[in-house]
């Protein structure tokens, strides 16, 4: 499982919106790397922000 998959899995397994620090703790991926991955996921609308600085998977 690559880092991107780990980050997406962290969002899937959480009922609440997460910030980058929490995603890093859950997935075991460095926060700097999580920030990069989340930036990509924001671009392609995989994750959305229900409140400032917190993110969750977009419903498709």
Protein backbone atom coordinates (compact mmCIF):
# COMPACT_ATOMS: atom_id res chain seq x y z
CA UNK A 1 0.00 0.00 0.00
CA UNK A 2 1.50 3.35 -1.00
CA UNK A 3 1.23 6.55 1.03
CA UNK A 4 -1.66 7.95 -1.03
CA UNK A 5 -3.69 4.79 -0.39
CA UNK A 6 -2.88 5.00 3.34
CA UNK A 7 -4.12 8.61 3.48
CA UNK A 8 -7.35 7.75 1.64
CA UNK A 9 -7.84 4.75 3.94
CA UNK A 10 -7.49 7.03 6.98
CA UNK A 11 -10.33 9.19 5.65
CA UNK A 12 -12.47 6.12 4.86
CA UNK A 13 -12.08 4.74 8.37
CA UNK A 14 -12.94 8.00 10.12
CA UNK A 15 -16.48 9.19 10.82
CA UNK A 16 -15.29 12.72 11.54
CA UNK A 17 -13.44 15.22 9.32
CA UNK A 18 -9.67 15.10 9.80
CA UNK A 19 -6.83 17.59 9.65
CA UNK A 20 -3.39 16.75 8.24
CA UNK A 21 -1.90 16.05 11.69
CA UNK A 22 -4.61 13.53 12.54
CA UNK A 23 -4.29 11.84 9.11
CA UNK A 24 -0.55 11.57 9.71
CA UNK A 25 -1.10 9.93 13.11
CA UNK A 26 -3.66 7.46 11.77
CA UNK A 27 -1.84 6.51 8.57
CA UNK A 28 1.72 6.57 9.87
CA UNK A 29 2.78 8.79 6.96
CA UNK A 30 4.90 11.88 7.69
CA UNK A 31 2.86 15.10 7.95
CA UNK A 32 4.88 16.76 5.19
CA UNK A 33 4.01 13.89 2.86
CA UNK A 34 0.36 13.96 3.99
CA UNK A 35 0.21 17.67 3.09
CA UNK A 36 1.44 16.92 -0.45
CA UNK A 37 -1.01 14.04 -0.90
CA UNK A 38 -3.93 16.07 0.46
CA UNK A 39 -3.08 18.88 -1.96
CA UNK A 40 -3.40 16.39 -4.84
CA UNK A 41 -6.65 14.99 -3.44
CA UNK A 42 -8.10 18.52 -3.12
CA UNK A 43 -7.25 19.23 -6.78
CA UNK A 44 -9.13 16.22 -8.09
CA UNK A 45 -12.01 16.72 -5.61
CA UNK A 46 -11.44 13.44 -3.77
CA UNK A 47 -11.62 15.29 -0.46
CA UNK A 48 -13.73 18.30 0.54
CA UNK A 49 -13.68 20.63 3.50
CA UNK A 50 -16.82 20.75 5.68
CA UNK A 51 -15.08 23.21 8.04
CA UNK A 52 -11.86 25.16 7.99
CA UNK A 53 -8.67 23.02 8.05
CA UNK A 54 -10.62 19.76 8.27
CA UNK A 55 -11.21 17.42 5.37
CA UNK A 56 -13.34 14.42 4.53
CA UNK A 57 -13.90 12.23 1.46
CA UNK A 58 -16.24 13.72 -1.12
CA UNK A 59 -19.43 11.78 -1.65
CA UNK A 60 -19.62 10.50 -5.21
